[in-house]
Amino acid sequence: MAAELVLKDVTKTYTVDGNDILALENISFSVKKRESIAIVGPSGCGKTTLIRIICGLEKTTNGSVTFLNKEISAPDKQIMMVFQSVAI
């Protein structure tokens, strides 16, 4: 079964006050139809950044994200984010 979601060498760097901050480095994985994954880690490790990239809300510095063989470069109505709790 072919992968529906493919991340290849995803890297994200932010520039803050002239300094580059590496948020993600060379993240690669694939998810097949009906397969579930969990993204876990400590606060500040890049989980939300990774999810925002997968949803098309942020662009990668390097690497690519494809969903159903289409590169994600903007929000896609087939991909959504569900928050753990409501922030008011």
N, C-alpha and C. Protein backbone atom coordinates (compact mmCIF):
# COMPACT_ATOMS: atom_id res chain seq x y z
N MET A 1 0.85 -1.18 0.00
CA MET A 1 0.00 0.00 0.00
C MET A 1 0.90 1.25 0.00
N ALA A 2 0.63 2.17 -0.87
CA ALA A 2 1.44 3.39 -1.01
C ALA A 2 1.15 4.36 0.13
N ALA A 3 2.14 5.15 0.46
CA ALA A 3 1.98 6.17 1.51
C ALA A 3 1.11 7.30 1.01
N GLU A 4 0.25 7.82 1.90
CA GLU A 4 -0.59 8.96 1.56
C GLU A 4 0.06 10.28 1.98
N LEU A 5 0.80 10.24 3.08
CA LEU A 5 1.49 11.42 3.58
C LEU A 5 2.97 11.10 3.61
N VAL A 6 3.78 11.94 2.99
CA VAL A 6 5.23 11.71 2.94
C VAL A 6 5.95 13.00 3.30
N LEU A 7 6.78 12.93 4.33
CA LEU A 7 7.66 14.03 4.68
C LEU A 7 9.07 13.60 4.33
N LYS A 8 9.79 14.45 3.62
CA LYS A 8 11.14 14.11 3.21
C LYS A 8 12.09 15.25 3.57
N ASP A 9 12.99 14.96 4.49
CA ASP A 9 14.04 15.90 4.91
C ASP A 9 13.50 17.28 5.29
N VAL A 10 12.39 17.30 6.03
CA VAL A 10 11.79 18.57 6.43
C VAL A 10 12.66 19.26 7.47
N THR A 11 13.05 20.49 7.15
CA THR A 11 13.84 21.33 8.04
C THR A 11 13.14 22.67 8.15
N LYS A 12 13.11 23.22 9.35
CA LYS A 12 12.52 24.55 9.57
C LYS A 12 13.45 25.35 10.46
N THR A 13 13.83 26.53 9.96
CA THR A 13 14.67 27.45 10.70
C THR A 13 13.94 28.78 10.81
N TYR A 14 13.92 29.35 12.01
CA TYR A 14 13.36 30.68 12.23
C TYR A 14 14.52 31.64 12.44
N THR A 15 14.36 32.87 12.02
CA THR A 15 15.35 33.91 12.28
C THR A 15 14.75 34.87 13.30
N VAL A 16 15.42 34.98 14.45
CA VAL A 16 14.96 35.86 15.52
C VAL A 16 16.12 36.77 15.90
N ASP A 17 15.90 38.05 15.79
CA ASP A 17 16.93 39.05 16.11
C ASP A 17 18.24 38.76 15.39
N GLY A 18 18.14 38.34 14.13
CA GLY A 18 19.33 38.08 13.33
C GLY A 18 19.99 36.74 13.58
N ASN A 19 19.43 35.94 14.48
CA ASN A 19 19.98 34.62 14.79
C ASN A 19 19.07 33.52 14.24
N ASP A 20 19.66 32.54 13.61
CA ASP A 20 18.89 31.40 13.10
C ASP A 20 18.66 30.41 14.23
N ILE A 21 17.40 29.99 14.37
CA ILE A 21 17.03 29.00 15.37
C ILE A 21 16.47 27.79 14.63
N LEU A 22 17.13 26.65 14.81
CA LEU A 22 16.72 25.41 14.14
C LEU A 22 15.59 24.77 14.94
N ALA A 23 14.40 24.69 14.33
CA ALA A 23 13.24 24.09 14.98
C ALA A 23 13.09 22.61 14.62
N LEU A 24 13.35 22.28 13.35
CA LEU A 24 13.25 20.90 12.86
C LEU A 24 14.42 20.65 11.92
N GLU A 25 14.96 19.43 11.96
CA GLU A 25 16.08 19.12 11.08
C GLU A 25 15.91 17.76 10.45
N ASN A 26 15.78 17.74 9.13
CA ASN A 26 15.74 16.51 8.33
C ASN A 26 14.75 15.47 8.84
N ILE A 27 13.51 15.88 9.05
CA ILE A 27 12.45 14.96 9.49
C ILE A 27 11.89 14.25 8.27
N SER A 28 11.91 12.93 8.29
CA SER A 28 11.39 12.12 7.19
C SER A 28 10.57 10.97 7.75
N PHE A 29 9.37 10.80 7.22
CA PHE A 29 8.55 9.62 7.53
C PHE A 29 7.40 9.58 6.55
N SER A 30 6.69 8.47 6.51
CA SER A 30 5.52 8.35 5.66
C SER A 30 4.41 7.66 6.44
N VAL A 31 3.18 7.95 6.05
CA VAL A 31 2.00 7.38 6.69
C VAL A 31 1.11 6.80 5.59
N LYS A 32 0.79 5.53 5.76
CA LYS A 32 -0.08 4.85 4.78
C LYS A 32 -1.55 5.01 5.17
N LYS A 33 -2.43 4.73 4.24
CA LYS A 33 -3.87 4.77 4.48
C LYS A 33 -4.21 3.87 5.67
N ARG A 34 -5.05 4.39 6.54
CA ARG A 34 -5.52 3.69 7.75
C ARG A 34 -4.43 3.46 8.79
N GLU A 35 -3.28 4.07 8.62
CA GLU A 35 -2.19 3.97 9.59
C GLU A 35 -2.27 5.19 10.51
N SER A 36 -1.99 4.99 11.79
CA SER A 36 -1.98 6.08 12.76
C SER A 36 -0.57 6.29 13.28
N ILE A 37 -0.25 7.54 13.56
CA ILE A 37 1.04 7.85 14.17
C ILE A 37 0.79 8.80 15.33
N ALA A 38 1.78 8.92 16.19
CA ALA A 38 1.75 9.89 17.29
C ALA A 38 3.04 10.68 17.23
N ILE A 39 2.93 11.97 17.43
CA ILE A 39 4.10 12.84 17.49
C ILE A 39 4.20 13.29 18.94
N VAL A 40 5.21 12.81 19.63
CA VAL A 40 5.37 13.11 21.05
C VAL A 40 6.75 13.69 21.32
N GLY A 41 6.84 14.42 22.41
CA GLY A 41 8.11 15.00 22.81
C GLY A 41 7.89 16.11 23.81
N PRO A 42 8.96 16.61 24.39
CA PRO A 42 8.84 17.66 25.40
C PRO A 42 8.42 18.99 24.77
N SER A 43 7.95 19.88 25.62
CA SER A 43 7.57 21.21 25.19
C SER A 43 8.74 21.90 24.48
N GLY A 44 8.43 22.51 23.34
CA GLY A 44 9.45 23.26 22.61
C GLY A 44 10.30 22.46 21.66
N CYS A 45 9.96 21.18 21.43
CA CYS A 45 10.80 20.34 20.57
C CYS A 45 10.43 20.41 19.08
N GLY A 46 9.32 21.13 18.75
CA GLY A 46 8.96 21.29 17.34
C GLY A 46 7.71 20.56 16.89
N LYS A 47 6.98 19.95 17.81
CA LYS A 47 5.77 19.20 17.43
C LYS A 47 4.75 20.08 16.71
N THR A 48 4.43 21.21 17.28
CA THR A 48 3.44 22.10 16.68
C THR A 48 3.94 22.65 15.35
N THR A 49 5.19 22.99 15.27
CA THR A 49 5.77 23.47 14.02
C THR A 49 5.61 22.40 12.94
N LEU A 50 5.90 21.15 13.28
CA LEU A 50 5.77 20.05 12.32
C LEU A 50 4.33 19.90 11.86
N ILE A 51 3.38 19.94 12.78
CA ILE A 51 1.97 19.81 12.43
C ILE A 51 1.52 20.99 11.56
N ARG A 52 1.97 22.20 11.89
CA ARG A 52 1.61 23.37 11.08
C ARG A 52 2.15 23.24 9.66
N ILE A 53 3.33 22.66 9.51
CA ILE A 53 3.89 22.44 8.17
C ILE A 53 3.06 21.41 7.42
N ILE A 54 2.70 20.32 8.08
CA ILE A 54 1.88 19.28 7.45
C ILE A 54 0.54 19.86 7.01
N CYS A 55 -0.03 20.76 7.80
CA CYS A 55 -1.32 21.38 7.47
C CYS A 55 -1.21 22.47 6.41
N GLY A 56 0.01 22.84 6.05
CA GLY A 56 0.20 23.89 5.06
C GLY A 56 0.13 25.29 5.64
N LEU A 57 0.17 25.42 6.96
CA LEU A 57 0.11 26.73 7.60
C LEU A 57 1.47 27.40 7.70
N GLU A 58 2.53 26.61 7.58
CA GLU A 58 3.90 27.13 7.55
C GLU A 58 4.65 26.44 6.44
N LYS A 59 5.64 27.11 5.91
CA LYS A 59 6.47 26.53 4.85
C LYS A 59 7.75 25.96 5.46
N THR A 60 8.27 24.95 4.83
CA THR A 60 9.55 24.39 5.26
C THR A 60 10.68 25.32 4.81
N THR A 61 11.79 25.26 5.53
CA THR A 61 13.00 25.94 5.07
C THR A 61 13.64 25.07 3.98
N ASN A 62 13.61 23.77 4.20
CA ASN A 62 14.08 22.77 3.23
C ASN A 62 13.21 21.54 3.37
N GLY A 63 13.21 20.70 2.35
CA GLY A 63 12.46 19.46 2.38
C GLY A 63 11.07 19.64 1.79
N SER A 64 10.29 18.54 1.84
CA SER A 64 8.96 18.58 1.23
C SER A 64 7.96 17.74 2.01
N VAL A 65 6.69 18.11 1.83
CA VAL A 65 5.56 17.37 2.40
C VAL A 65 4.60 17.12 1.25
N THR A 66 4.25 15.86 1.03
CA THR A 66 3.25 15.54 0.02
C THR A 66 2.11 14.75 0.64
N PHE A 67 0.91 15.05 0.18
CA PHE A 67 -0.30 14.36 0.62
C PHE A 67 -1.04 13.93 -0.63
N LEU A 68 -1.28 12.64 -0.75
CA LEU A 68 -1.92 12.07 -1.95
C LEU A 68 -1.19 12.51 -3.21
N ASN A 69 0.14 12.44 -3.15
CA ASN A 69 1.03 12.76 -4.27
C ASN A 69 1.01 14.24 -4.69
N LYS A 70 0.48 15.11 -3.84
CA LYS A 70 0.44 16.54 -4.13
C LYS A 70 1.24 17.26 -3.05
N GLU A 71 2.19 18.10 -3.49
CA GLU A 71 3.00 18.83 -2.51
C GLU A 71 2.13 19.84 -1.76
N ILE A 72 2.30 19.86 -0.45
CA ILE A 72 1.56 20.79 0.40
C ILE A 72 2.35 22.08 0.51
N SER A 73 1.78 23.16 0.00
CA SER A 73 2.44 24.46 0.08
C SER A 73 1.49 25.53 0.61
N ALA A 74 0.26 25.16 0.85
CA ALA A 74 -0.77 26.04 1.39
C ALA A 74 -1.81 25.17 2.09
N PRO A 75 -2.67 25.74 2.91
CA PRO A 75 -3.70 24.94 3.58
C PRO A 75 -4.53 24.14 2.58
N ASP A 76 -4.88 22.92 2.96
CA ASP A 76 -5.65 22.01 2.12
C ASP A 76 -6.88 21.58 2.91
N LYS A 77 -8.06 21.64 2.31
CA LYS A 77 -9.29 21.32 3.04
C LYS A 77 -9.37 19.86 3.50
N GLN A 78 -8.49 19.00 2.98
CA GLN A 78 -8.48 17.60 3.40
C GLN A 78 -7.60 17.35 4.63
N ILE A 79 -6.89 18.37 5.07
CA ILE A 79 -5.99 18.23 6.21
C ILE A 79 -6.40 19.24 7.27
N MET A 80 -6.55 18.76 8.51
CA MET A 80 -6.91 19.69 9.58
C MET A 80 -6.17 19.34 10.86
N MET A 81 -6.18 20.28 11.74
CA MET A 81 -5.50 20.17 13.02
C MET A 81 -6.56 20.17 14.11
N VAL A 82 -6.47 19.26 15.07
CA VAL A 82 -7.39 19.22 16.19
C VAL A 82 -6.57 19.47 17.45
N PHE A 83 -6.94 20.50 18.18
CA PHE A 83 -6.18 20.87 19.37
C PHE A 83 -6.55 19.97 20.55
N GLN A 84 -5.59 19.77 21.43
CA GLN A 84 -5.80 18.94 22.61
C GLN A 84 -6.80 19.58 23.55
N SER A 85 -6.71 20.88 23.72
CA SER A 85 -7.66 21.60 24.56
C SER A 85 -7.93 22.97 23.96
N VAL A 86 -9.04 23.55 24.36
CA VAL A 86 -9.43 24.86 23.86
C VAL A 86 -8.67 25.92 24.64
N ALA A 87 -8.02 26.84 23.92
CA ALA A 87 -7.32 27.95 24.57
C ALA A 87 -8.19 29.20 24.43
N ILE A 88 -8.54 29.75 25.54
CA ILE A 88 -9.39 30.96 25.52
C ILE A 88 -8.59 32.14 26.01
